[in-house]
Amino acid sequence: MAKIKSLQIQVTGRVQKVGFRFNAQDTALKLRLNGFVMNNTDGSVYMEVEGDEDSLNQFLIWCHQGPEWSMVTGVKVVEQDIKGYEGFFVKK
């Protein structure tokens, strides 16, 4: 069985007002990942994402590109304890 991991991800660059959160949600759901995504007041996007290692790696590859109108300049990843999220949500 695949090992489940939980990550905190902060994405910087032009990542707000470009559909980043909703594209992240769509990508996470396709990869069967759980967690949430939200905008930070500093202009970055913050996510907590849980799932198997292969799916998380695919999600991180997506995070470095983002949706069409974004321009990602940085992705910071920190592993954390499993929180047990169900589903993947956009927080306002």
C-alpha atoms as a PDB file:
ATOM      1  CA  MET A   1       0.000   0.000   0.000  1.00  0.00           C
ATOM      2  CA  ALA A   2       1.210   3.492  -0.865  1.00  0.00           C
ATOM      3  CA  LYS A   3       2.522   5.615   1.972  1.00  0.00           C
ATOM      4  CA  ILE A   4       0.304   8.609   2.749  1.00  0.00           C
ATOM      5  CA  LYS A   5       2.060  11.923   3.313  1.00  0.00           C
ATOM      6  CA  SER A   6       0.873  15.403   4.226  1.00  0.00           C
ATOM      7  CA  LEU A   7       2.481  18.564   2.863  1.00  0.00           C
ATOM      8  CA  GLN A   8       2.265  22.297   3.453  1.00  0.00           C
ATOM      9  CA  ILE A   9       2.869  24.058   0.131  1.00  0.00           C
ATOM     10  CA  GLN A  10       3.363  27.783  -0.402  1.00  0.00           C
ATOM     11  CA  VAL A  11       3.441  29.020  -3.993  1.00  0.00           C
ATOM     12  CA  THR A  12       4.734  32.494  -4.817  1.00  0.00           C
ATOM     13  CA  GLY A  13       4.624  34.597  -7.980  1.00  0.00           C
ATOM     14  CA  ARG A  14       1.607  35.767  -9.958  1.00  0.00           C
ATOM     15  CA  VAL A  15      -0.704  33.203  -8.372  1.00  0.00           C
ATOM     16  CA  GLN A  16      -3.736  35.249  -7.279  1.00  0.00           C
ATOM     17  CA  LYS A  17      -6.546  36.397  -9.583  1.00  0.00           C
ATOM     18  CA  VAL A  18      -5.430  33.857 -12.200  1.00  0.00           C
ATOM     19  CA  GLY A  19      -7.615  30.878 -11.206  1.00  0.00           C
ATOM     20  CA  PHE A  20      -4.814  29.191  -9.295  1.00  0.00           C
ATOM     21  CA  ARG A  21      -6.934  27.971  -6.348  1.00  0.00           C
ATOM     22  CA  PHE A  22      -9.684  26.458  -8.487  1.00  0.00           C
ATOM     23  CA  ASN A  23      -7.190  24.827 -10.854  1.00  0.00           C
ATOM     24  CA  ALA A  24      -5.318  23.466  -7.829  1.00  0.00           C
ATOM     25  CA  GLN A  25      -8.587  22.028  -6.506  1.00  0.00           C
ATOM     26  CA  ASP A  26      -9.378  20.431  -9.887  1.00  0.00           C
ATOM     27  CA  THR A  27      -5.869  18.957 -10.149  1.00  0.00           C
ATOM     28  CA  ALA A  28      -5.917  17.676  -6.548  1.00  0.00           C
ATOM     29  CA  LEU A  29      -9.308  15.999  -7.011  1.00  0.00           C
ATOM     30  CA  LYS A  30      -8.148  14.294 -10.228  1.00  0.00           C
ATOM     31  CA  LEU A  31      -5.123  12.971  -8.314  1.00  0.00           C
ATOM     32  CA  ARG A  32      -7.354  11.874  -5.395  1.00  0.00           C
ATOM     33  CA  LEU A  33      -5.630  14.221  -2.961  1.00  0.00           C
ATOM     34  CA  ASN A  34      -7.262  15.781   0.095  1.00  0.00           C
ATOM     35  CA  GLY A  35      -6.754  19.136   1.786  1.00  0.00           C
ATOM     36  CA  PHE A  36      -7.366  22.793   1.035  1.00  0.00           C
ATOM     37  CA  VAL A  37      -6.008  25.809  -0.839  1.00  0.00           C
ATOM     38  CA  MET A  38      -6.281  29.493   0.112  1.00  0.00           C
ATOM     39  CA  ASN A  39      -4.863  32.898  -0.772  1.00  0.00           C
ATOM     40  CA  ASN A  40      -2.406  34.490   1.664  1.00  0.00           C
ATOM     41  CA  THR A  41      -2.450  38.232   2.331  1.00  0.00           C
ATOM     42  CA  ASP A  42       1.156  38.449   1.009  1.00  0.00           C
ATOM     43  CA  GLY A  43      -0.003  37.458  -2.502  1.00  0.00           C
ATOM     44  CA  SER A  44       1.055  33.820  -2.258  1.00  0.00           C
ATOM     45  CA  VAL A  45      -1.151  30.708  -2.263  1.00  0.00           C
ATOM     46  CA  TYR A  46      -1.057  28.259   0.670  1.00  0.00           C
ATOM     47  CA  MET A  47      -2.141  24.622   0.551  1.00  0.00           C
ATOM     48  CA  GLU A  48      -2.216  21.628   2.825  1.00  0.00           C
ATOM     49  CA  VAL A  49      -2.353  18.479   0.711  1.00  0.00           C
ATOM     50  CA  GLU A  50      -2.490  14.811   1.679  1.00  0.00           C
ATOM     51  CA  GLY A  51      -2.243  11.653  -0.377  1.00  0.00           C
ATOM     52  CA  ASP A  52       0.074   9.002  -1.702  1.00  0.00           C
ATOM     53  CA  GLU A  53       3.610   9.977  -2.631  1.00  0.00           C
ATOM     54  CA  ASP A  54       3.212   9.500  -6.404  1.00  0.00           C
ATOM     55  CA  SER A  55       0.116  11.711  -6.548  1.00  0.00           C
ATOM     56  CA  LEU A  56       1.765  14.354  -4.357  1.00  0.00           C
ATOM     57  CA  ASN A  57       4.793  14.382  -6.661  1.00  0.00           C
ATOM     58  CA  GLN A  58       2.523  14.888  -9.690  1.00  0.00           C
ATOM     59  CA  PHE A  59       0.736  17.697  -7.836  1.00  0.00           C
ATOM     60  CA  LEU A  60       4.048  19.389  -6.997  1.00  0.00           C
ATOM     61  CA  ILE A  61       5.029  19.284 -10.670  1.00  0.00           C
ATOM     62  CA  TRP A  62       1.734  21.048 -11.442  1.00  0.00           C
ATOM     63  CA  CYS A  63       2.387  23.604  -8.653  1.00  0.00           C
ATOM     64  CA  HIS A  64       5.642  24.665 -10.343  1.00  0.00           C
ATOM     65  CA  GLN A  65       3.688  25.472 -13.530  1.00  0.00           C
ATOM     66  CA  GLY A  66       0.254  26.504 -12.290  1.00  0.00           C
ATOM     67  CA  PRO A  67      -2.617  27.445 -14.598  1.00  0.00           C
ATOM     68  CA  GLU A  68      -2.156  29.255 -17.895  1.00  0.00           C
ATOM     69  CA  TRP A  69      -2.249  32.854 -16.583  1.00  0.00           C
ATOM     70  CA  SER A  70      -0.051  32.334 -13.527  1.00  0.00           C
ATOM     71  CA  MET A  71       3.705  32.837 -13.228  1.00  0.00           C
ATOM     72  CA  VAL A  72       5.133  30.710 -10.424  1.00  0.00           C
ATOM     73  CA  THR A  73       8.418  31.984  -8.984  1.00  0.00           C
ATOM     74  CA  GLY A  74       8.716  29.693  -5.967  1.00  0.00           C
ATOM     75  CA  VAL A  75       7.294  26.560  -4.332  1.00  0.00           C
ATOM     76  CA  LYS A  76       8.110  25.916  -0.671  1.00  0.00           C
ATOM     77  CA  VAL A  77       7.225  22.461   0.680  1.00  0.00           C
ATOM     78  CA  VAL A  78       7.195  21.299   4.304  1.00  0.00           C
ATOM     79  CA  GLU A  79       6.126  17.817   5.391  1.00  0.00           C
ATOM     80  CA  GLN A  80       3.666  17.760   8.299  1.00  0.00           C
ATOM     81  CA  ASP A  81       1.705  15.247  10.368  1.00  0.00           C
ATOM     82  CA  ILE A  82      -1.355  13.723   8.688  1.00  0.00           C
ATOM     83  CA  LYS A  83      -4.473  15.808   9.398  1.00  0.00           C
ATOM     84  CA  GLY A  84      -7.043  13.424   7.918  1.00  0.00           C
ATOM     85  CA  TYR A  85      -8.672  15.810   5.436  1.00  0.00           C
ATOM     86  CA  GLU A  86     -11.597  14.524   3.387  1.00  0.00           C
ATOM     87  CA  GLY A  87     -12.055  16.131  -0.011  1.00  0.00           C
ATOM     88  CA  PHE A  88     -10.198  19.174  -1.324  1.00  0.00           C
ATOM     89  CA  PHE A  89     -11.581  22.645  -0.672  1.00  0.00           C
ATOM     90  CA  VAL A  90     -10.968  26.237  -1.693  1.00  0.00           C
ATOM     91  CA  LYS A  91     -10.932  28.438   1.402  1.00  0.00           C
ATOM     92  CA  LYS A  92     -11.958  32.066   1.021  1.00  0.00           C
END
